[in-house]
Amino acid sequence: MENSGDHQETVVPPVEGVAGGGTAYGWSDTGVNDPRPLRGAIDPTKVSSLELLNVWCMPNSANVGPQDMPRELEPISLLAARNERESIQIAIRPKVFWGGSGIAGTVQVQCTDLCSPCGARLVVGQSLTLRRVVPVLGVPAALVPLDMPVCQLNLFPGETTVIWVSIDVPSEQPPGQYEGEIIISATKAEAESTSQSLNKVEEHQLYRELRDCLDAVEPLEGKPLEDVVERVKSATSSLRRVLLSPSFSDFFSDNGPIDMMEEDAISSLSIRLKISLTVWDFVLPATPSVPAVIGISDTVIEDRFGVEHGSNEWFELLDQHFKWLLQYRISPYLCRWGNSMRVLTYTSPWPADHPKSDAYFSDPRLAAYAVPNGPIVPCGDTVKDFLRREVEILRTKNHWRKAYFYLWDEPLNIEQYNGIRSMASEIHAYAPDARILTTYYCGPSDAPLASNNFEAFLKVPEFLPPHTQIYCTSEWVIGN
């Protein structure tokens, strides 16, 4: 990218379906044209960020990649119930260079709380979070957390950087209209690196000075007026000494402290993106009405993090994955593959009589959980003994209605269907009401074979165990 002025108008197609999902944006289908490109060296503290950056918003359902072209910047209007999460994407693309070392420039992103007229707040860092969208194998997928309430991002020439903004509305949040801002400012690339941190001696000195101020003014109740005046004078003197110390010299000009008007002038160069959120006066239930289950291979976790199966670190990592998925109303299960797509699935790595398992299964956010039909960690029990004990414990719990057994993934022949029937018969010997789940592959390569065997499976009643639930699945391979 060069500041040459050879900018061509880019026509961007309109976004479809942006009015759904609790959002209302009103996108324009016209491209962004920059008729007056800047030239030469640029000081971002003296130029409006609108002249340096293209900033626009997109719904959370859109894939926004590094090559996406700019659109018109418009305010954000969101709708959400209590106990609901709404998200929006903010895309940033540099128009010119103002940085160095291979980057187009650096931007600072700052968020404010969302406030209602009655004084209620959705606090930055708690209800409002930012993440950076990072492509994985060319697909925008990973969401990397950003510092709150202020963070800095490096922009690269010819690339669009995307920020994912999430707003979590607590169940007890007062309904009403909430408003806030996301402020985006072009800044000098060296601003962060040149900021000097305090050494330990300076930190201790500042701590002692501030503690002395607090000690001087804290016990004022019931003191004589003369004593109060003296204490306030002492605290004022200490605070002035702290503010005039070399640690805060960057905040002083030759004539004393920087005038607040100068800060206002700098902030006036920023791009201020307005966010409006309407919180409705009803609460979404904690338990999803449609159970969404997602499986994770425990061997992948072991290989990725280098942990041993059954170790304390292994249990801790599985626990972290469970909690992470559950906050998105996803009911996770872990799995370990066997021969011919036979699979051992489980939601909790602990046995059914462990307090952790009961906490997992009782969580109202969990819509369904997988019960293992064999030991997850070697325990000396046979498969039948383990299965019988698990079922006996779980059937006495109120959460048993959430339980299911997932025994085989995408069976392709009669032998594999017979394997499901045999395994299901063992389970039903201990729990006649147990739900058995299997999946039916409907991908392009083996579809005729799978379809023929699936139809045969359904036509013979004894092949279909009672309480069996069958789901169609298809697989996607990135790049195909």
Protein backbone atom coordinates (compact mmCIF):
# COMPACT_ATOMS: atom_id res chain seq x y z
CA MET A 1 0.00 0.00 0.00
CA GLU A 2 1.34 3.41 -0.95
CA ASN A 3 0.09 6.94 -0.39
CA SER A 4 0.07 7.55 -4.12
CA GLY A 5 -3.47 8.70 -4.64
CA ASP A 6 -4.31 6.04 -7.24
CA HIS A 7 -7.46 4.98 -5.41
CA GLN A 8 -10.25 3.34 -7.35
CA GLU A 9 -13.83 3.23 -6.23
CA THR A 10 -14.78 -0.23 -4.95
CA VAL A 11 -18.36 -1.40 -5.17
CA VAL A 12 -19.21 -3.78 -2.36
CA PRO A 13 -22.25 -6.08 -2.66
CA PRO A 14 -24.94 -5.66 0.00
CA VAL A 15 -25.08 -7.95 3.01
CA GLU A 16 -28.10 -10.23 3.02
CA GLY A 17 -30.18 -11.04 6.06
CA VAL A 18 -28.71 -8.42 8.37
CA ALA A 19 -32.06 -7.60 9.92
CA GLY A 20 -32.35 -11.01 11.58
CA GLY A 21 -30.81 -12.37 14.76
CA GLY A 22 -31.73 -9.40 16.92
CA THR A 23 -29.79 -6.86 14.87
CA ALA A 24 -30.69 -3.83 12.82
CA TYR A 25 -27.98 -2.10 10.79
CA GLY A 26 -29.32 -0.84 7.46
CA TRP A 27 -26.16 -1.47 5.43
CA SER A 28 -25.48 0.58 2.36
CA ASP A 29 -24.51 -1.25 -0.83
CA THR A 30 -22.14 1.47 -1.98
CA GLY A 31 -18.40 1.23 -1.66
CA VAL A 32 -16.10 3.64 0.15
CA ASN A 33 -14.21 6.11 -2.00
CA ASP A 34 -11.39 8.25 -0.64
CA PRO A 35 -11.08 11.30 -2.90
CA ARG A 36 -8.26 13.03 -0.97
CA PRO A 37 -5.52 10.56 -0.05
CA LEU A 38 -2.74 11.79 2.21
CA ARG A 39 0.84 12.02 1.05
CA GLY A 40 4.25 11.95 2.71
CA ALA A 41 5.01 11.43 6.40
CA ILE A 42 1.93 11.35 8.58
CA ASP A 43 1.59 12.21 12.26
CA PRO A 44 -1.55 10.36 13.46
CA THR A 45 -1.86 12.69 16.47
CA LYS A 46 -2.54 15.62 14.12
CA VAL A 47 -4.74 13.97 11.49
CA SER A 48 -8.28 12.69 11.83
CA SER A 49 -8.35 8.91 12.07
CA LEU A 50 -11.08 8.89 9.42
CA GLU A 51 -8.44 9.99 6.92
CA LEU A 52 -6.17 7.11 7.90
CA LEU A 53 -8.64 4.27 8.46
CA ASN A 54 -11.67 2.61 7.00
CA VAL A 55 -13.90 1.38 9.84
CA TRP A 56 -17.19 -0.41 9.34
CA CYS A 57 -19.46 -2.88 11.15
CA MET A 58 -20.74 -6.31 10.20
CA PRO A 59 -23.20 -8.76 11.81
CA ASN A 60 -21.92 -11.76 13.73
CA SER A 61 -23.20 -14.12 11.03
CA ALA A 62 -20.82 -12.74 8.38
CA ASN A 63 -17.38 -14.13 7.57
CA VAL A 64 -15.09 -11.11 7.41
CA GLY A 65 -11.63 -11.96 6.14
CA PRO A 66 -8.38 -10.05 5.55
CA GLN A 67 -9.35 -9.18 1.96
CA ASP A 68 -12.83 -7.83 2.71
CA MET A 69 -13.37 -4.34 1.32
CA PRO A 70 -14.67 -1.33 3.28
CA ARG A 71 -18.28 -0.30 3.72
CA GLU A 72 -19.97 2.78 5.10
CA LEU A 73 -19.63 3.35 8.84
CA GLU A 74 -23.00 3.34 10.59
CA PRO A 75 -24.11 3.19 14.24
CA ILE A 76 -24.82 -0.20 15.80
CA SER A 77 -28.29 -1.05 17.08
CA LEU A 78 -28.74 -4.35 18.92
CA LEU A 79 -31.65 -6.11 20.60
CA ALA A 80 -31.20 -8.64 23.40
CA ALA A 81 -33.13 -10.36 26.14
CA ARG A 82 -31.75 -10.79 29.61
CA ASN A 83 -29.45 -13.81 29.88
CA GLU A 84 -28.60 -13.46 26.19
CA ARG A 85 -25.39 -12.68 24.32
CA GLU A 86 -25.30 -10.47 21.24
CA SER A 87 -22.21 -9.94 19.11
CA ILE A 88 -21.07 -7.59 16.38
CA GLN A 89 -17.93 -7.33 14.27
CA ILE A 90 -15.90 -4.19 13.70
CA ALA A 91 -13.60 -4.19 10.68
CA ILE A 92 -10.60 -1.87 10.34
CA ARG A 93 -8.57 -1.40 7.17
CA PRO A 94 -5.74 1.16 6.75
CA LYS A 95 -5.95 3.67 3.92
CA VAL A 96 -2.32 4.83 4.12
CA PHE A 97 0.98 4.24 5.94
CA TRP A 98 1.81 6.02 9.19
CA GLY A 99 3.75 3.24 10.94
CA GLY A 100 6.95 1.39 10.30
CA SER A 101 8.69 -1.98 10.50
CA GLY A 102 6.36 -3.62 8.00
CA ILE A 103 3.09 -2.39 9.48
CA ALA A 104 0.72 0.17 8.06
CA GLY A 105 0.12 1.70 11.47
CA THR A 106 -1.12 1.17 15.01
CA VAL A 107 -4.59 1.83 16.35
CA GLN A 108 -5.86 2.15 19.89
CA VAL A 109 -9.30 0.73 20.66
CA GLN A 110 -11.12 1.94 23.75
CA CYS A 111 -14.54 0.91 25.07
CA THR A 112 -16.96 2.63 27.40
CA ASP A 113 -19.59 1.04 29.61
CA LEU A 114 -23.07 0.80 28.15
CA CYS A 115 -25.31 2.98 30.31
CA SER A 116 -29.06 3.40 30.60
CA PRO A 117 -30.88 6.62 31.60
CA CYS A 118 -31.71 5.07 35.00
CA GLY A 119 -28.01 4.57 35.77
CA ALA A 120 -27.75 0.83 35.09
CA ARG A 121 -24.54 -0.30 33.40
CA LEU A 122 -23.13 -3.10 31.30
CA VAL A 123 -19.52 -2.94 32.40
CA VAL A 124 -16.55 -3.20 30.07
CA GLY A 125 -14.53 -6.32 30.74
CA GLN A 126 -17.48 -8.09 32.34
CA SER A 127 -20.54 -7.72 30.13
CA LEU A 128 -18.70 -6.20 27.17
CA THR A 129 -15.64 -8.02 25.81
CA LEU A 130 -13.44 -7.70 22.74
CA ARG A 131 -11.66 -10.40 20.77
CA ARG A 132 -9.58 -10.32 17.63
CA VAL A 133 -10.71 -12.53 14.76
CA VAL A 134 -7.77 -14.60 13.51
CA PRO A 135 -7.94 -16.75 10.35
CA VAL A 136 -7.31 -20.49 10.76
CA LEU A 137 -6.36 -22.17 7.45
CA GLY A 138 -7.71 -19.09 5.70
CA VAL A 139 -11.07 -19.10 7.49
CA PRO A 140 -11.82 -16.40 10.09
CA ALA A 141 -12.38 -18.57 13.16
CA ALA A 142 -10.25 -17.98 16.25
CA LEU A 143 -11.29 -15.28 18.72
CA VAL A 144 -8.26 -14.05 20.67
CA PRO A 145 -9.09 -11.99 23.81
CA LEU A 146 -7.99 -8.35 23.82
CA ASP A 147 -7.10 -6.19 26.79
CA MET A 148 -9.92 -4.12 28.26
CA PRO A 149 -10.86 -1.30 28.31
CA VAL A 150 -7.97 -0.14 26.08
CA CYS A 151 -5.89 -2.18 23.65
CA GLN A 152 -3.57 -1.56 20.72
CA LEU A 153 -3.54 -3.36 17.37
CA ASN A 154 -1.06 -3.31 14.51
CA LEU A 155 -2.62 -2.97 11.06
CA PHE A 156 -0.95 -4.44 8.00
CA PRO A 157 -0.95 -3.01 4.46
CA GLY A 158 -3.87 -4.19 2.36
CA GLU A 159 -5.41 -6.27 5.16
CA THR A 160 -8.65 -5.96 7.06
CA THR A 161 -8.43 -6.50 10.82
CA VAL A 162 -11.61 -7.67 12.55
CA ILE A 163 -12.65 -7.21 16.18
CA TRP A 164 -15.42 -9.34 17.66
CA VAL A 165 -17.51 -7.44 20.20
CA SER A 166 -19.69 -9.48 22.58
CA ILE A 167 -22.28 -8.13 25.01
CA ASP A 168 -23.51 -10.50 27.72
CA VAL A 169 -26.70 -9.34 29.39
CA PRO A 170 -27.05 -10.77 32.92
CA SER A 171 -30.38 -12.29 33.99
CA GLU A 172 -30.87 -9.57 36.60
CA GLN A 173 -30.02 -6.65 34.28
CA PRO A 174 -32.71 -3.91 34.31
CA PRO A 175 -34.46 -3.65 30.93
CA GLY A 176 -34.16 -0.48 28.91
CA GLN A 177 -32.05 1.37 26.38
CA TYR A 178 -28.26 1.25 26.83
CA GLU A 179 -25.74 3.34 24.96
CA GLY A 180 -21.96 3.43 24.78
CA GLU A 181 -19.04 3.96 22.44
CA ILE A 182 -16.08 2.18 20.94
CA ILE A 183 -13.38 4.75 20.21
CA ILE A 184 -10.79 3.91 17.55
CA SER A 185 -7.73 6.14 17.24
CA ALA A 186 -4.71 5.96 14.98
CA THR A 187 -1.60 6.32 17.12
CA LYS A 188 2.16 6.28 16.81
CA ALA A 189 3.62 2.82 16.57
CA GLU A 190 6.28 3.57 19.14
CA ALA A 191 3.80 4.86 21.72
CA GLU A 192 3.55 1.55 23.51
CA SER A 193 7.23 0.62 23.33
CA THR A 194 8.48 3.95 24.62
CA SER A 195 6.24 4.00 27.66
CA GLN A 196 8.53 3.57 30.66
CA SER A 197 7.46 1.35 33.49
CA LEU A 198 8.33 2.17 37.07
CA ASN A 199 11.10 0.25 38.77
CA LYS A 200 10.59 -1.38 42.16
CA VAL A 201 12.09 1.52 44.12
CA GLU A 202 9.78 4.07 42.43
CA GLU A 203 6.78 1.82 42.91
CA HIS A 204 7.52 1.44 46.61
CA GLN A 205 8.02 5.19 47.02
CA LEU A 206 4.68 5.98 45.33
CA TYR A 207 2.94 3.32 47.40
CA ARG A 208 4.30 4.76 50.65
CA GLU A 209 3.34 8.32 49.70
CA LEU A 210 -0.22 7.34 48.78
CA ARG A 211 -0.58 5.18 51.88
CA ASP A 212 0.50 8.13 54.05
CA CYS A 213 -2.21 10.25 52.39
CA LEU A 214 -4.82 7.65 53.18
CA ASP A 215 -3.63 7.28 56.77
CA ALA A 216 -3.84 11.04 57.20
CA VAL A 217 -7.44 11.54 56.01
CA GLU A 218 -9.11 8.23 56.83
CA PRO A 219 -9.65 8.65 60.62
CA LEU A 220 -11.36 12.09 60.43
CA GLU A 221 -14.69 11.26 62.02
CA GLY A 222 -15.05 12.85 65.43
CA LYS A 223 -11.79 14.83 65.14
CA PRO A 224 -11.60 18.55 66.02
CA LEU A 225 -11.85 20.93 63.06
CA GLU A 226 -8.27 22.14 63.53
CA ASP A 227 -7.00 18.56 63.38
CA VAL A 228 -9.03 17.88 60.24
CA VAL A 229 -7.60 20.97 58.50
CA GLU A 230 -4.04 19.95 59.33
CA ARG A 231 -4.58 16.42 58.12
CA VAL A 232 -6.08 17.61 54.81
CA LYS A 233 -3.16 20.03 54.30
CA SER A 234 -0.70 17.20 54.91
CA ALA A 235 -2.48 14.89 52.49
CA THR A 236 -2.67 17.65 49.86
CA SER A 237 1.04 18.30 50.17
CA SER A 238 1.82 14.60 49.79
CA LEU A 239 -0.43 14.23 46.74
CA ARG A 240 1.12 17.28 45.09
CA ARG A 241 4.58 15.82 45.70
CA VAL A 242 3.49 12.56 44.06
CA LEU A 243 2.01 14.30 41.01
CA LEU A 244 5.16 16.42 40.55
CA SER A 245 7.46 13.39 40.75
CA PRO A 246 9.46 12.34 37.66
CA SER A 247 7.17 9.31 37.23
CA PHE A 248 4.44 11.66 35.91
CA SER A 249 6.67 14.06 33.98
CA ASP A 250 5.14 12.97 30.65
CA PHE A 251 1.87 14.56 31.73
CA PHE A 252 3.39 18.02 32.14
CA SER A 253 4.23 20.64 29.56
CA ASP A 254 6.67 23.51 30.06
CA ASN A 255 3.89 25.56 31.64
CA GLY A 256 2.55 22.89 34.01
CA PRO A 257 0.00 20.13 33.58
CA ILE A 258 -1.36 19.48 30.11
CA ASP A 259 -4.55 21.39 29.51
CA MET A 260 -7.55 19.11 29.26
CA MET A 261 -8.46 20.97 26.08
CA GLU A 262 -5.41 19.36 24.46
CA GLU A 263 -6.74 15.90 25.34
CA ASP A 264 -10.13 16.90 23.93
CA ALA A 265 -8.45 18.00 20.72
CA ILE A 266 -6.68 14.64 20.43
CA SER A 267 -9.84 12.68 21.15
CA SER A 268 -11.72 14.70 18.55
CA LEU A 269 -9.50 13.05 15.92
CA SER A 270 -10.77 9.59 16.90
CA ILE A 271 -13.50 7.54 15.26
CA ARG A 272 -16.36 7.20 17.74
CA LEU A 273 -18.62 4.25 17.02
CA LYS A 274 -21.97 4.50 18.79
CA ILE A 275 -23.52 1.32 20.23
CA SER A 276 -27.19 1.20 21.17
CA LEU A 277 -28.59 -1.88 22.93
CA THR A 278 -32.22 -2.48 23.80
CA VAL A 279 -32.60 -4.95 26.68
CA TRP A 280 -36.03 -6.55 26.66
CA ASP A 281 -38.04 -7.22 29.79
CA PHE A 282 -37.84 -11.02 29.76
CA VAL A 283 -35.20 -13.63 30.60
CA LEU A 284 -34.05 -16.44 28.35
CA PRO A 285 -34.00 -19.82 30.11
CA ALA A 286 -30.61 -21.18 31.13
CA THR A 287 -31.29 -24.56 29.52
CA PRO A 288 -31.36 -24.47 25.69
CA SER A 289 -34.59 -25.69 24.14
CA VAL A 290 -32.61 -27.50 21.43
CA PRO A 291 -29.64 -29.49 22.77
CA ALA A 292 -26.51 -28.81 20.73
CA VAL A 293 -23.82 -31.40 21.43
CA ILE A 294 -20.25 -31.06 20.20
CA GLY A 295 -17.59 -33.70 20.58
CA ILE A 296 -13.90 -33.21 21.30
CA SER A 297 -11.32 -35.96 20.86
CA ASP A 298 -9.47 -36.37 24.15
CA THR A 299 -6.42 -37.69 22.28
CA VAL A 300 -6.22 -34.41 20.39
CA ILE A 301 -6.13 -32.55 23.71
CA GLU A 302 -3.43 -34.90 24.99
CA ASP A 303 -1.29 -34.37 21.90
CA ARG A 304 -1.91 -30.62 21.73
CA PHE A 305 -1.00 -29.91 25.36
CA GLY A 306 1.40 -32.80 25.95
CA VAL A 307 -0.47 -34.30 28.91
CA GLU A 308 -0.80 -37.91 29.93
CA HIS A 309 -4.18 -39.62 29.86
CA GLY A 310 -5.62 -39.75 33.39
CA SER A 311 -3.13 -37.29 34.92
CA ASN A 312 -4.15 -34.31 37.05
CA GLU A 313 -3.24 -31.97 34.18
CA TRP A 314 -5.45 -34.04 31.86
CA PHE A 315 -8.47 -33.72 34.15
CA GLU A 316 -7.87 -29.97 34.49
CA LEU A 317 -7.72 -29.43 30.71
CA LEU A 318 -10.92 -31.39 30.12
CA ASP A 319 -12.59 -29.32 32.82
CA GLN A 320 -11.49 -26.09 31.12
CA HIS A 321 -12.85 -27.24 27.75
CA PHE A 322 -16.17 -28.23 29.34
CA LYS A 323 -16.63 -24.86 31.03
CA TRP A 324 -15.60 -22.94 27.92
CA LEU A 325 -18.17 -24.65 25.69
CA LEU A 326 -20.92 -24.59 28.29
CA GLN A 327 -20.88 -20.78 28.49
CA TYR A 328 -22.00 -20.78 24.83
CA ARG A 329 -24.95 -23.12 25.60
CA ILE A 330 -23.15 -26.04 23.97
CA SER A 331 -23.38 -29.42 25.67
CA PRO A 332 -19.92 -30.94 25.16
CA TYR A 333 -18.83 -34.54 25.17
CA LEU A 334 -15.34 -36.02 24.86
CA CYS A 335 -14.56 -39.09 22.83
CA ARG A 336 -11.94 -41.74 22.16
CA TRP A 337 -12.05 -43.65 18.88
CA GLY A 338 -12.04 -47.43 18.57
CA ASN A 339 -12.10 -49.79 15.59
CA SER A 340 -14.47 -49.22 12.64
CA MET A 341 -15.72 -45.87 13.99
CA ARG A 342 -16.75 -47.33 17.33
CA VAL A 343 -16.44 -44.52 19.86
CA LEU A 344 -16.26 -44.15 23.64
CA THR A 345 -18.03 -40.91 24.55
CA TYR A 346 -18.40 -39.17 27.89
CA THR A 347 -19.25 -35.71 29.17
CA SER A 348 -17.59 -36.02 32.56
CA PRO A 349 -14.17 -37.70 32.88
CA TRP A 350 -14.95 -38.48 36.53
CA PRO A 351 -17.10 -41.48 37.57
CA ALA A 352 -20.79 -40.94 38.28
CA ASP A 353 -20.33 -40.94 42.08
CA HIS A 354 -17.75 -38.12 41.94
CA PRO A 355 -19.00 -34.65 43.06
CA LYS A 356 -17.63 -33.11 39.86
CA SER A 357 -19.87 -35.33 37.71
CA ASP A 358 -22.96 -34.38 39.66
CA ALA A 359 -22.04 -30.70 39.33
CA TYR A 360 -21.56 -31.14 35.57
CA PHE A 361 -24.84 -32.96 34.98
CA SER A 362 -26.90 -30.72 37.29
CA ASP A 363 -25.81 -27.52 35.58
CA PRO A 364 -28.97 -26.01 34.04
CA ARG A 365 -27.00 -24.86 30.99
CA LEU A 366 -26.25 -28.49 30.07
CA ALA A 367 -29.04 -29.86 27.88
CA ALA A 368 -27.69 -33.39 27.39
CA TYR A 369 -24.75 -35.50 28.54
CA ALA A 370 -23.05 -38.63 27.25
CA VAL A 371 -22.72 -41.62 29.57
CA PRO A 372 -19.67 -43.81 28.90
CA ASN A 373 -20.33 -47.50 28.27
CA GLY A 374 -16.86 -48.44 29.54
CA PRO A 375 -14.07 -47.17 31.82
CA ILE A 376 -12.48 -43.88 30.75
CA VAL A 377 -9.47 -44.22 33.00
CA PRO A 378 -8.29 -47.77 33.95
CA CYS A 379 -9.90 -48.65 37.29
CA GLY A 380 -9.75 -52.46 37.50
CA ASP A 381 -13.46 -52.94 36.71
CA THR A 382 -14.75 -54.91 33.78
CA VAL A 383 -16.81 -53.08 31.17
CA LYS A 384 -20.03 -54.66 32.43
CA ASP A 385 -19.31 -53.83 36.09
CA PHE A 386 -18.42 -50.25 35.22
CA LEU A 387 -21.53 -49.80 33.07
CA ARG A 388 -23.85 -51.28 35.70
CA ARG A 389 -22.49 -49.04 38.47
CA GLU A 390 -22.68 -45.89 36.34
CA VAL A 391 -26.28 -46.56 35.34
CA GLU A 392 -27.37 -47.49 38.87
CA ILE A 393 -26.03 -44.18 40.20
CA LEU A 394 -27.26 -41.94 37.40
CA ARG A 395 -30.79 -43.38 37.22
CA THR A 396 -31.43 -42.14 40.77
CA LYS A 397 -30.66 -38.54 39.76
CA ASN A 398 -33.08 -35.94 38.45
CA HIS A 399 -30.70 -35.20 35.58
CA TRP A 400 -31.00 -38.77 34.18
CA ARG A 401 -33.46 -37.41 31.62
CA LYS A 402 -30.50 -35.61 30.02
CA ALA A 403 -28.47 -38.81 29.62
CA TYR A 404 -27.71 -40.59 26.34
CA PHE A 405 -25.27 -43.21 25.04
CA TYR A 406 -23.37 -42.50 21.83
CA LEU A 407 -21.84 -45.83 20.75
CA TRP A 408 -20.93 -45.65 17.08
CA ASP A 409 -20.19 -42.90 14.60
CA GLU A 410 -21.65 -43.21 11.08
CA PRO A 411 -22.05 -46.99 10.69
CA LEU A 412 -21.73 -48.10 7.05
CA ASN A 413 -22.60 -51.81 7.00
CA ILE A 414 -24.91 -54.34 8.60
CA GLU A 415 -22.15 -55.71 10.82
CA GLN A 416 -21.66 -52.29 12.37
CA TYR A 417 -25.41 -51.85 12.85
CA ASN A 418 -25.44 -55.23 14.55
CA GLY A 419 -22.64 -53.96 16.79
CA ILE A 420 -24.84 -51.03 17.84
CA ARG A 421 -27.71 -53.43 18.56
CA SER A 422 -25.51 -55.68 20.70
CA MET A 423 -24.08 -52.80 22.71
CA ALA A 424 -27.52 -51.24 23.13
CA SER A 425 -28.91 -54.53 24.43
CA GLU A 426 -26.29 -54.57 27.18
CA ILE A 427 -27.21 -51.03 28.22
CA HIS A 428 -30.96 -51.73 28.16
CA ALA A 429 -30.42 -54.70 30.46
CA TYR A 430 -29.56 -52.18 33.20
CA ALA A 431 -31.57 -49.18 31.96
CA PRO A 432 -34.53 -50.00 29.67
CA ASP A 433 -35.30 -46.29 29.26
CA ALA A 434 -31.77 -45.31 28.19
CA ARG A 435 -31.48 -43.25 25.02
CA ILE A 436 -29.11 -44.63 22.37
CA LEU A 437 -27.75 -42.17 19.83
CA THR A 438 -26.11 -42.96 16.53
CA THR A 439 -25.39 -40.93 13.41
CA TYR A 440 -26.06 -41.59 9.75
CA TYR A 441 -23.51 -40.33 7.24
CA CYS A 442 -25.00 -38.47 4.27
CA GLY A 443 -21.80 -37.22 2.64
CA PRO A 444 -21.18 -37.54 -1.11
CA SER A 445 -18.55 -40.30 -1.26
CA ASP A 446 -20.23 -43.18 0.62
CA ALA A 447 -23.80 -41.98 0.43
CA PRO A 448 -25.17 -44.90 -1.69
CA LEU A 449 -23.55 -47.52 0.55
CA ALA A 450 -24.60 -45.78 3.74
CA SER A 451 -28.12 -45.18 2.42
CA ASN A 452 -28.67 -48.82 1.43
CA ASN A 453 -27.49 -50.15 4.79
CA PHE A 454 -29.45 -47.50 6.69
CA GLU A 455 -32.64 -48.47 4.88
CA ALA A 456 -32.01 -52.14 5.61
CA PHE A 457 -31.37 -51.23 9.23
CA LEU A 458 -34.74 -49.51 9.49
CA LYS A 459 -36.70 -52.23 7.65
CA VAL A 460 -35.73 -54.97 10.12
CA PRO A 461 -37.37 -54.09 13.47
CA GLU A 462 -34.99 -56.14 15.59
CA PHE A 463 -32.08 -54.11 14.21
CA LEU A 464 -33.46 -50.97 15.82
CA PRO A 465 -33.07 -50.98 19.62
CA PRO A 466 -35.77 -49.16 21.60
CA HIS A 467 -35.16 -45.51 22.49
CA THR A 468 -32.64 -45.18 19.65
CA GLN A 469 -32.22 -41.69 18.20
CA ILE A 470 -30.66 -41.39 14.74
CA TYR A 471 -29.16 -38.19 13.40
CA CYS A 472 -27.94 -37.42 9.89
CA THR A 473 -24.48 -35.93 9.66
CA SER A 474 -22.32 -34.60 6.85
CA GLU A 475 -18.67 -33.69 6.88
CA TRP A 476 -16.94 -30.62 5.50
CA VAL A 477 -13.28 -30.51 4.62
CA ILE A 478 -11.70 -27.06 4.44
CA GLY A 479 -10.50 -26.41 0.90
CA ASN A 480 -12.94 -28.82 -0.82
